[in-house]
PDB file of all heavy atoms in Angstrom:
ATOM      1  N   GLY A   1       1.593 -12.036   1.334  1.00  0.00           N
ATOM      2  CA  GLY A   1       2.893 -12.293   0.735  1.00  0.00           C
ATOM      3  C   GLY A   1       3.202 -11.448  -0.485  1.00  0.00           C
ATOM      4  O   GLY A   1       4.228 -11.639  -1.126  1.00  0.00           O
ATOM      5  N   PHE A   2       2.333 -10.516  -0.803  1.00  0.00           N
ATOM      6  CA  PHE A   2       2.548  -9.634  -1.949  1.00  0.00           C
ATOM      7  C   PHE A   2       2.871  -8.228  -1.473  1.00  0.00           C
ATOM      8  O   PHE A   2       2.338  -7.757  -0.472  1.00  0.00           O
ATOM      9  CB  PHE A   2       1.285  -9.554  -2.820  1.00  0.00           C
ATOM     10  CG  PHE A   2       1.129 -10.666  -3.805  1.00  0.00           C
ATOM     11  CD1 PHE A   2       0.859 -11.954  -3.378  1.00  0.00           C
ATOM     12  CD2 PHE A   2       1.233 -10.426  -5.160  1.00  0.00           C
ATOM     13  CE1 PHE A   2       0.694 -12.985  -4.284  1.00  0.00           C
ATOM     14  CE2 PHE A   2       1.065 -11.458  -6.080  1.00  0.00           C
ATOM     15  CZ  PHE A   2       0.799 -12.744  -5.642  1.00  0.00           C
ATOM     16  N   LEU A   3       3.713  -7.539  -2.223  1.00  0.00           N
ATOM     17  CA  LEU A   3       3.895  -6.103  -2.068  1.00  0.00           C
ATOM     18  C   LEU A   3       2.781  -5.404  -2.829  1.00  0.00           C
ATOM     19  O   LEU A   3       2.259  -5.937  -3.820  1.00  0.00           O
ATOM     20  CB  LEU A   3       5.238  -5.666  -2.665  1.00  0.00           C
ATOM     21  CG  LEU A   3       6.482  -6.082  -1.905  1.00  0.00           C
ATOM     22  CD1 LEU A   3       7.687  -6.100  -2.831  1.00  0.00           C
ATOM     23  CD2 LEU A   3       6.706  -5.133  -0.744  1.00  0.00           C
ATOM     24  N   HIS A   4       2.451  -4.199  -2.375  1.00  0.00           N
ATOM     25  CA  HIS A   4       1.371  -3.451  -3.012  1.00  0.00           C
ATOM     26  C   HIS A   4       1.694  -1.967  -3.008  1.00  0.00           C
ATOM     27  O   HIS A   4       2.286  -1.452  -2.065  1.00  0.00           O
ATOM     28  CB  HIS A   4       0.058  -3.696  -2.245  1.00  0.00           C
ATOM     29  CG  HIS A   4      -1.057  -2.846  -2.721  1.00  0.00           C
ATOM     30  ND1 HIS A   4      -1.556  -1.789  -1.980  1.00  0.00           N
ATOM     31  CD2 HIS A   4      -1.755  -2.864  -3.877  1.00  0.00           C
ATOM     32  CE1 HIS A   4      -2.528  -1.215  -2.664  1.00  0.00           C
ATOM     33  NE2 HIS A   4      -2.671  -1.838  -3.813  1.00  0.00           N
ATOM     34  N   GLY A   5       1.300  -1.286  -4.068  1.00  0.00           N
ATOM     35  CA  GLY A   5       1.421   0.163  -4.150  1.00  0.00           C
ATOM     36  C   GLY A   5       0.543   0.688  -5.262  1.00  0.00           C
ATOM     37  O   GLY A   5       0.038  -0.080  -6.082  1.00  0.00           O
ATOM     38  N   PHE A   6       0.347   2.004  -5.277  1.00  0.00           N
ATOM     39  CA  PHE A   6      -0.444   2.582  -6.363  1.00  0.00           C
ATOM     40  C   PHE A   6       0.002   4.008  -6.644  1.00  0.00           C
ATOM     41  O   PHE A   6       0.558   4.694  -5.799  1.00  0.00           O
ATOM     42  CB  PHE A   6      -1.949   2.514  -6.076  1.00  0.00           C
ATOM     43  CG  PHE A   6      -2.436   3.406  -4.967  1.00  0.00           C
ATOM     44  CD1 PHE A   6      -2.823   4.717  -5.217  1.00  0.00           C
ATOM     45  CD2 PHE A   6      -2.525   2.927  -3.677  1.00  0.00           C
ATOM     46  CE1 PHE A   6      -3.287   5.538  -4.197  1.00  0.00           C
ATOM     47  CE2 PHE A   6      -2.990   3.736  -2.643  1.00  0.00           C
ATOM     48  CZ  PHE A   6      -3.373   5.042  -2.904  1.00  0.00           C
ATOM     49  N   LEU A   7      -0.287   4.433  -7.884  1.00  0.00           N
ATOM     50  CA  LEU A   7      -0.032   5.784  -8.364  1.00  0.00           C
ATOM     51  C   LEU A   7      -1.373   6.428  -8.667  1.00  0.00           C
ATOM     52  O   LEU A   7      -2.175   5.877  -9.439  1.00  0.00           O
ATOM     53  CB  LEU A   7       0.825   5.741  -9.631  1.00  0.00           C
ATOM     54  CG  LEU A   7       1.026   7.065 -10.370  1.00  0.00           C
ATOM     55  CD1 LEU A   7       1.840   8.044  -9.522  1.00  0.00           C
ATOM     56  CD2 LEU A   7       1.699   6.812 -11.713  1.00  0.00           C
ATOM     57  N   ALA A   8      -1.649   7.596  -8.066  1.00  0.00           N
ATOM     58  CA  ALA A   8      -2.885   8.330  -8.330  1.00  0.00           C
ATOM     59  C   ALA A   8      -2.787   9.008  -9.699  1.00  0.00           C
ATOM     60  O   ALA A   8      -1.844   9.754  -9.966  1.00  0.00           O
ATOM     61  CB  ALA A   8      -3.132   9.366  -7.238  1.00  0.00           C
ATOM     62  N   LEU A   9      -3.775   8.755 -10.545  1.00  0.00           N
ATOM     63  CA  LEU A   9      -3.753   9.258 -11.914  1.00  0.00           C
ATOM     64  C   LEU A   9      -4.724  10.413 -12.155  1.00  0.00           C
ATOM     65  O   LEU A   9      -4.728  10.989 -13.242  1.00  0.00           O
ATOM     66  CB  LEU A   9      -4.073   8.119 -12.893  1.00  0.00           C
ATOM     67  CG  LEU A   9      -3.084   6.953 -12.879  1.00  0.00           C
ATOM     68  CD1 LEU A   9      -3.575   5.842 -13.802  1.00  0.00           C
ATOM     69  CD2 LEU A   9      -1.693   7.416 -13.267  1.00  0.00           C
ATOM     70  N   THR A  10      -5.559  10.727 -11.173  1.00  0.00           N
ATOM     71  CA  THR A  10      -6.526  11.809 -11.317  1.00  0.00           C
ATOM     72  C   THR A  10      -6.337  12.812 -10.183  1.00  0.00           C
ATOM     73  O   THR A  10      -5.666  12.531  -9.185  1.00  0.00           O
ATOM     74  CB  THR A  10      -7.968  11.258 -11.316  1.00  0.00           C
ATOM     75  OG1 THR A  10      -8.147  10.432 -10.162  1.00  0.00           O
ATOM     76  CG2 THR A  10      -8.264  10.458 -12.569  1.00  0.00           C
ATOM     77  N   ASP A  11      -6.945  13.980 -10.356  1.00  0.00           N
ATOM     78  CA  ASP A  11      -6.768  15.047  -9.367  1.00  0.00           C
ATOM     79  C   ASP A  11      -7.224  14.646  -7.977  1.00  0.00           C
ATOM     80  O   ASP A  11      -6.641  15.081  -6.991  1.00  0.00           O
ATOM     81  CB  ASP A  11      -7.507  16.313  -9.814  1.00  0.00           C
ATOM     82  CG  ASP A  11      -6.851  16.944 -11.034  1.00  0.00           C
ATOM     83  OD1 ASP A  11      -5.664  16.667 -11.296  1.00  0.00           O
ATOM     84  OD2 ASP A  11      -7.532  17.713 -11.727  1.00  0.00           O
ATOM     85  N   GLU A  12      -8.259  13.833  -7.882  1.00  0.00           N
ATOM     86  CA  GLU A  12      -8.751  13.342  -6.596  1.00  0.00           C
ATOM     87  C   GLU A  12      -8.899  11.835  -6.662  1.00  0.00           C
ATOM     88  O   GLU A  12      -9.563  11.308  -7.561  1.00  0.00           O
ATOM     89  CB  GLU A  12     -10.121  13.938  -6.262  1.00  0.00           C
ATOM     90  CG  GLU A  12     -10.107  15.418  -5.982  1.00  0.00           C
ATOM     91  CD  GLU A  12     -11.500  15.918  -5.610  1.00  0.00           C
ATOM     92  OE1 GLU A  12     -12.508  15.244  -5.912  1.00  0.00           O
ATOM     93  OE2 GLU A  12     -11.569  17.001  -5.015  1.00  0.00           O
ATOM     94  N   VAL A  13      -8.301  11.156  -5.701  1.00  0.00           N
ATOM     95  CA  VAL A  13      -8.441   9.707  -5.589  1.00  0.00           C
ATOM     96  C   VAL A  13      -8.870   9.382  -4.169  1.00  0.00           C
ATOM     97  O   VAL A  13      -8.254   9.841  -3.205  1.00  0.00           O
ATOM     98  CB  VAL A  13      -7.126   8.969  -5.925  1.00  0.00           C
ATOM     99  CG1 VAL A  13      -7.212   7.493  -5.568  1.00  0.00           C
ATOM    100  CG2 VAL A  13      -6.776   9.138  -7.400  1.00  0.00           C
ATOM    101  N   VAL A  14      -9.938   8.583  -4.072  1.00  0.00           N
ATOM    102  CA  VAL A  14     -10.352   8.000  -2.797  1.00  0.00           C
ATOM    103  C   VAL A  14     -10.159   6.507  -2.965  1.00  0.00           C
ATOM    104  O   VAL A  14     -10.843   5.864  -3.771  1.00  0.00           O
ATOM    105  CB  VAL A  14     -11.813   8.345  -2.444  1.00  0.00           C
ATOM    106  CG1 VAL A  14     -12.202   7.691  -1.119  1.00  0.00           C
ATOM    107  CG2 VAL A  14     -12.007   9.854  -2.373  1.00  0.00           C
ATOM    108  N   PHE A  15      -9.210   5.973  -2.205  1.00  0.00           N
ATOM    109  CA  PHE A  15      -8.772   4.586  -2.336  1.00  0.00           C
ATOM    110  C   PHE A  15      -9.140   3.842  -1.058  1.00  0.00           C
ATOM    111  O   PHE A  15      -8.836   4.303   0.044  1.00  0.00           O
ATOM    112  CB  PHE A  15      -7.249   4.575  -2.543  1.00  0.00           C
ATOM    113  CG  PHE A  15      -6.678   3.239  -2.888  1.00  0.00           C
ATOM    114  CD1 PHE A  15      -6.643   2.803  -4.203  1.00  0.00           C
ATOM    115  CD2 PHE A  15      -6.152   2.410  -1.911  1.00  0.00           C
ATOM    116  CE1 PHE A  15      -6.100   1.579  -4.536  1.00  0.00           C
ATOM    117  CE2 PHE A  15      -5.598   1.184  -2.235  1.00  0.00           C
ATOM    118  CZ  PHE A  15      -5.580   0.770  -3.549  1.00  0.00           C
ATOM    119  N   CYS A  16      -9.806   2.713  -1.211  1.00  0.00           N
ATOM    120  CA  CYS A  16     -10.267   1.931  -0.058  1.00  0.00           C
ATOM    121  C   CYS A  16      -9.628   0.552  -0.080  1.00  0.00           C
ATOM    122  O   CYS A  16      -9.423  -0.026  -1.145  1.00  0.00           O
ATOM    123  CB  CYS A  16     -11.782   1.747  -0.121  1.00  0.00           C
ATOM    124  SG  CYS A  16     -12.680   3.294  -0.124  1.00  0.00           S
ATOM    125  N   TYR A  17      -9.346   0.045   1.124  1.00  0.00           N
ATOM    126  CA  TYR A  17      -8.867  -1.319   1.187  1.00  0.00           C
ATOM    127  C   TYR A  17      -9.208  -1.979   2.503  1.00  0.00           C
ATOM    128  O   TYR A  17      -9.229  -1.372   3.540  1.00  0.00           O
ATOM    129  CB  TYR A  17      -7.384  -1.438   0.864  1.00  0.00           C
ATOM    130  CG  TYR A  17      -6.437  -0.505   1.563  1.00  0.00           C
ATOM    131  CD1 TYR A  17      -5.584  -0.974   2.555  1.00  0.00           C
ATOM    132  CD2 TYR A  17      -6.354   0.831   1.199  1.00  0.00           C
ATOM    133  CE1 TYR A  17      -4.676  -0.129   3.167  1.00  0.00           C
ATOM    134  CE2 TYR A  17      -5.455   1.683   1.813  1.00  0.00           C
ATOM    135  CZ  TYR A  17      -4.618   1.189   2.794  1.00  0.00           C
ATOM    136  OH  TYR A  17      -3.722   2.034   3.401  1.00  0.00           O
ATOM    137  N   LYS A  18      -9.521  -3.264   2.354  1.00  0.00           N
ATOM    138  CA  LYS A  18      -9.782  -4.135   3.488  1.00  0.00           C
ATOM    139  C   LYS A  18      -8.507  -4.943   3.714  1.00  0.00           C
ATOM    140  O   LYS A  18      -7.846  -5.322   2.750  1.00  0.00           O
ATOM    141  CB  LYS A  18     -10.945  -5.089   3.187  1.00  0.00           C
ATOM    142  CG  LYS A  18     -12.245  -4.393   2.850  1.00  0.00           C
ATOM    143  CD  LYS A  18     -13.340  -5.361   2.524  1.00  0.00           C
ATOM    144  CE  LYS A  18     -14.304  -5.594   3.624  1.00  0.00           C
ATOM    145  NZ  LYS A  18     -14.646  -4.554   4.531  1.00  0.00           N
ATOM    146  N   GLN A  19      -8.195  -5.210   4.974  1.00  0.00           N
ATOM    147  CA  GLN A  19      -6.992  -5.973   5.319  1.00  0.00           C
ATOM    148  C   GLN A  19      -7.380  -7.165   6.177  1.00  0.00           C
ATOM    149  O   GLN A  19      -8.274  -7.072   7.010  1.00  0.00           O
ATOM    150  CB  GLN A  19      -6.029  -5.108   6.137  1.00  0.00           C
ATOM    151  CG  GLN A  19      -5.520  -3.920   5.415  1.00  0.00           C
ATOM    152  CD  GLN A  19      -4.606  -3.056   6.277  1.00  0.00           C
ATOM    153  OE1 GLN A  19      -4.042  -2.142   5.755  1.00  0.00           O
ATOM    154  NE2 GLN A  19      -4.467  -3.320   7.565  1.00  0.00           N
ATOM    155  N   SER A  20      -6.646  -8.267   6.000  1.00  0.00           N
ATOM    156  CA  SER A  20      -6.903  -9.469   6.786  1.00  0.00           C
ATOM    157  C   SER A  20      -6.112  -9.491   8.093  1.00  0.00           C
ATOM    158  O   SER A  20      -6.221 -10.446   8.852  1.00  0.00           O
ATOM    159  CB  SER A  20      -6.581 -10.724   5.971  1.00  0.00           C
ATOM    160  OG  SER A  20      -5.191 -10.779   5.708  1.00  0.00           O
ATOM    161  N   ALA A  21      -5.325  -8.462   8.337  1.00  0.00           N
ATOM    162  CA  ALA A  21      -4.582  -8.327   9.602  1.00  0.00           C
ATOM    163  C   ALA A  21      -4.537  -6.845   9.945  1.00  0.00           C
ATOM    164  O   ALA A  21      -4.523  -5.999   9.052  1.00  0.00           O
ATOM    165  CB  ALA A  21      -3.164  -8.881   9.478  1.00  0.00           C
ATOM    166  N   GLU A  22      -4.527  -6.553  11.225  1.00  0.00           N
ATOM    167  CA  GLU A  22      -4.402  -5.164  11.645  1.00  0.00           C
ATOM    168  C   GLU A  22      -2.995  -4.665  11.330  1.00  0.00           C
ATOM    169  O   GLU A  22      -2.028  -5.426  11.364  1.00  0.00           O
ATOM    170  CB  GLU A  22      -4.685  -5.033  13.138  1.00  0.00           C
ATOM    171  CG  GLU A  22      -6.135  -5.302  13.469  1.00  0.00           C
ATOM    172  CD  GLU A  22      -6.454  -5.133  14.935  1.00  0.00           C
ATOM    173  OE1 GLU A  22      -5.671  -4.485  15.670  1.00  0.00           O
ATOM    174  OE2 GLU A  22      -7.496  -5.661  15.360  1.00  0.00           O
ATOM    175  N   TYR A  23      -2.915  -3.384  11.014  1.00  0.00           N
ATOM    176  CA  TYR A  23      -1.625  -2.783  10.702  1.00  0.00           C
ATOM    177  C   TYR A  23      -0.679  -2.909  11.895  1.00  0.00           C
ATOM    178  O   TYR A  23      -1.035  -2.603  13.026  1.00  0.00           O
ATOM    179  CB  TYR A  23      -1.806  -1.310  10.336  1.00  0.00           C
ATOM    180  CG  TYR A  23      -0.494  -0.598  10.114  1.00  0.00           C
ATOM    181  CD1 TYR A  23       0.301  -0.908   9.017  1.00  0.00           C
ATOM    182  CD2 TYR A  23      -0.034   0.355  11.011  1.00  0.00           C
ATOM    183  CE1 TYR A  23       1.506  -0.267   8.811  1.00  0.00           C
ATOM    184  CE2 TYR A  23       1.177   1.005  10.804  1.00  0.00           C
ATOM    185  CZ  TYR A  23       1.941   0.685   9.711  1.00  0.00           C
ATOM    186  OH  TYR A  23       3.144   1.308   9.507  1.00  0.00           O
ATOM    187  N   ALA A  24       0.533  -3.392  11.621  1.00  0.00           N
ATOM    188  CA  ALA A  24       1.570  -3.539  12.636  1.00  0.00           C
ATOM    189  C   ALA A  24       2.873  -3.035  12.018  1.00  0.00           C
ATOM    190  O   ALA A  24       3.476  -3.732  11.191  1.00  0.00           O
ATOM    191  CB  ALA A  24       1.700  -4.995  13.068  1.00  0.00           C
ATOM    192  N   PRO A  25       3.311  -1.826  12.373  1.00  0.00           N
ATOM    193  CA  PRO A  25       4.492  -1.255  11.720  1.00  0.00           C
ATOM    194  C   PRO A  25       5.739  -2.127  11.831  1.00  0.00           C
ATOM    195  O   PRO A  25       6.577  -2.116  10.930  1.00  0.00           O
ATOM    196  CB  PRO A  25       4.692   0.088  12.431  1.00  0.00           C
ATOM    197  CG  PRO A  25       3.691   0.174  13.501  1.00  0.00           C
ATOM    198  CD  PRO A  25       2.736  -0.961  13.377  1.00  0.00           C
ATOM    199  N   GLU A  26       5.852  -2.912  12.882  1.00  0.00           N
ATOM    200  CA  GLU A  26       7.038  -3.758  13.046  1.00  0.00           C
ATOM    201  C   GLU A  26       7.083  -4.906  12.032  1.00  0.00           C
ATOM    202  O   GLU A  26       8.127  -5.502  11.810  1.00  0.00           O
ATOM    203  CB  GLU A  26       7.133  -4.306  14.479  1.00  0.00           C
ATOM    204  CG  GLU A  26       6.054  -5.301  14.864  1.00  0.00           C
ATOM    205  CD  GLU A  26       4.732  -4.693  15.334  1.00  0.00           C
ATOM    206  OE1 GLU A  26       4.552  -3.448  15.260  1.00  0.00           O
ATOM    207  OE2 GLU A  26       3.874  -5.474  15.764  1.00  0.00           O
ATOM    208  N   ARG A  27       5.974  -5.217  11.391  1.00  0.00           N
ATOM    209  CA  ARG A  27       5.943  -6.284  10.387  1.00  0.00           C
ATOM    210  C   ARG A  27       5.957  -5.742   8.958  1.00  0.00           C
ATOM    211  O   ARG A  27       6.098  -6.499   8.001  1.00  0.00           O
ATOM    212  CB  ARG A  27       4.702  -7.153  10.579  1.00  0.00           C
ATOM    213  CG  ARG A  27       4.842  -8.154  11.700  1.00  0.00           C
ATOM    214  CD  ARG A  27       3.747  -9.196  11.648  1.00  0.00           C
ATOM    215  NE  ARG A  27       2.430  -8.589  11.711  1.00  0.00           N
ATOM    216  CZ  ARG A  27       1.768  -8.307  12.833  1.00  0.00           C
ATOM    217  NH1 ARG A  27       2.310  -8.571  13.990  1.00  0.00           N
ATOM    218  NH2 ARG A  27       0.570  -7.769  12.775  1.00  0.00           N
ATOM    219  N   GLU A  28       5.791  -4.454   8.798  1.00  0.00           N
ATOM    220  CA  GLU A  28       5.725  -3.878   7.455  1.00  0.00           C
ATOM    221  C   GLU A  28       7.090  -3.943   6.771  1.00  0.00           C
ATOM    222  O   GLU A  28       8.123  -3.656   7.369  1.00  0.00           O
ATOM    223  CB  GLU A  28       5.252  -2.425   7.510  1.00  0.00           C
ATOM    224  CG  GLU A  28       5.068  -1.838   6.135  1.00  0.00           C
ATOM    225  CD  GLU A  28       4.506  -0.426   6.178  1.00  0.00           C
ATOM    226  OE1 GLU A  28       4.963   0.381   7.011  1.00  0.00           O
ATOM    227  OE2 GLU A  28       3.619  -0.143   5.371  1.00  0.00           O
ATOM    228  N   ILE A  29       7.057  -4.312   5.500  1.00  0.00           N
ATOM    229  CA  ILE A  29       8.249  -4.360   4.662  1.00  0.00           C
ATOM    230  C   ILE A  29       8.022  -3.383   3.515  1.00  0.00           C
ATOM    231  O   ILE A  29       6.977  -3.429   2.861  1.00  0.00           O
ATOM    232  CB  ILE A  29       8.489  -5.777   4.110  1.00  0.00           C
ATOM    233  CG1 ILE A  29       8.689  -6.771   5.263  1.00  0.00           C
ATOM    234  CG2 ILE A  29       9.682  -5.781   3.152  1.00  0.00           C
ATOM    235  CD1 ILE A  29       8.648  -8.214   4.828  1.00  0.00           C
ATOM    236  N   GLY A  30       8.977  -2.514   3.292  1.00  0.00           N
ATOM    237  CA  GLY A  30       8.875  -1.554   2.202  1.00  0.00           C
ATOM    238  C   GLY A  30       9.948  -1.808   1.161  1.00  0.00           C
ATOM    239  O   GLY A  30      11.096  -2.094   1.491  1.00  0.00           O
ATOM    240  N   VAL A  31       9.559  -1.720  -0.102  1.00  0.00           N
ATOM    241  CA  VAL A  31      10.483  -1.882  -1.231  1.00  0.00           C
ATOM    242  C   VAL A  31      10.335  -0.657  -2.124  1.00  0.00           C
ATOM    243  O   VAL A  31       9.237  -0.133  -2.312  1.00  0.00           O
ATOM    244  CB  VAL A  31      10.181  -3.183  -2.010  1.00  0.00           C
ATOM    245  CG1 VAL A  31      10.937  -3.224  -3.330  1.00  0.00           C
ATOM    246  CG2 VAL A  31      10.528  -4.398  -1.158  1.00  0.00           C
ATOM    247  N   ARG A  32      11.440  -0.218  -2.674  1.00  0.00           N
ATOM    248  CA  ARG A  32      11.451   0.974  -3.525  1.00  0.00           C
ATOM    249  C   ARG A  32      10.509   0.813  -4.712  1.00  0.00           C
ATOM    250  O   ARG A  32      10.540  -0.203  -5.402  1.00  0.00           O
ATOM    251  CB  ARG A  32      12.854   1.256  -4.034  1.00  0.00           C
ATOM    252  CG  ARG A  32      13.842   1.632  -2.937  1.00  0.00           C
ATOM    253  CD  ARG A  32      15.156   2.103  -3.523  1.00  0.00           C
ATOM    254  NE  ARG A  32      14.984   3.227  -4.422  1.00  0.00           N
ATOM    255  CZ  ARG A  32      14.895   4.511  -4.027  1.00  0.00           C
ATOM    256  NH1 ARG A  32      14.965   4.813  -2.762  1.00  0.00           N
ATOM    257  NH2 ARG A  32      14.762   5.470  -4.931  1.00  0.00           N
ATOM    258  N   TRP A  33       9.748   1.834  -4.961  1.00  0.00           N
ATOM    259  CA  TRP A  33       8.824   1.846  -6.095  1.00  0.00           C
ATOM    260  C   TRP A  33       9.583   1.819  -7.424  1.00  0.00           C
ATOM    261  O   TRP A  33       9.086   1.323  -8.427  1.00  0.00           O
ATOM    262  CB  TRP A  33       7.907   3.077  -6.036  1.00  0.00           C
ATOM    263  CG  TRP A  33       8.653   4.376  -6.215  1.00  0.00           C
ATOM    264  CD1 TRP A  33       9.248   5.116  -5.235  1.00  0.00           C
ATOM    265  CD2 TRP A  33       8.914   5.054  -7.443  1.00  0.00           C
ATOM    266  NE1 TRP A  33       9.856   6.230  -5.772  1.00  0.00           N
ATOM    267  CE2 TRP A  33       9.665   6.210  -7.134  1.00  0.00           C
ATOM    268  CE3 TRP A  33       8.580   4.796  -8.779  1.00  0.00           C
ATOM    269  CZ2 TRP A  33      10.090   7.099  -8.108  1.00  0.00           C
ATOM    270  CZ3 TRP A  33       9.010   5.688  -9.747  1.00  0.00           C
ATOM    271  CH2 TRP A  33       9.758   6.830  -9.405  1.00  0.00           C
ATOM    272  N   ASP A  34      10.815   2.335  -7.408  1.00  0.00           N
ATOM    273  CA  ASP A  34      11.629   2.449  -8.622  1.00  0.00           C
ATOM    274  C   ASP A  34      12.802   1.470  -8.640  1.00  0.00           C
ATOM    275  O   ASP A  34      13.800   1.708  -9.310  1.00  0.00           O
ATOM    276  CB  ASP A  34      12.130   3.877  -8.791  1.00  0.00           C
ATOM    277  CG  ASP A  34      12.995   4.343  -7.610  1.00  0.00           C
ATOM    278  OD1 ASP A  34      13.055   3.641  -6.564  1.00  0.00           O
ATOM    279  OD2 ASP A  34      13.606   5.417  -7.727  1.00  0.00           O
ATOM    280  N   ASP A  35      12.675   0.358  -7.941  1.00  0.00           N
ATOM    281  CA  ASP A  35      13.741  -0.648  -7.890  1.00  0.00           C
ATOM    282  C   ASP A  35      14.053  -1.128  -9.312  1.00  0.00           C
ATOM    283  O   ASP A  35      13.177  -1.659 -10.002  1.00  0.00           O
ATOM    284  CB  ASP A  35      13.287  -1.821  -7.018  1.00  0.00           C
ATOM    285  CG  ASP A  35      14.359  -2.873  -6.815  1.00  0.00           C
ATOM    286  OD1 ASP A  35      15.293  -2.988  -7.641  1.00  0.00           O
ATOM    287  OD2 ASP A  35      14.275  -3.600  -5.811  1.00  0.00           O
TER     288      ASP A  35
END
């Protein structure tokens, strides 16, 4: 129920995440980062 995003602050970022549901593009909701 949360939106999530991140900004890379260093020249190289390796970002990992575990998800409790498989990615399903039809369920994804996107909100502007600069709303």
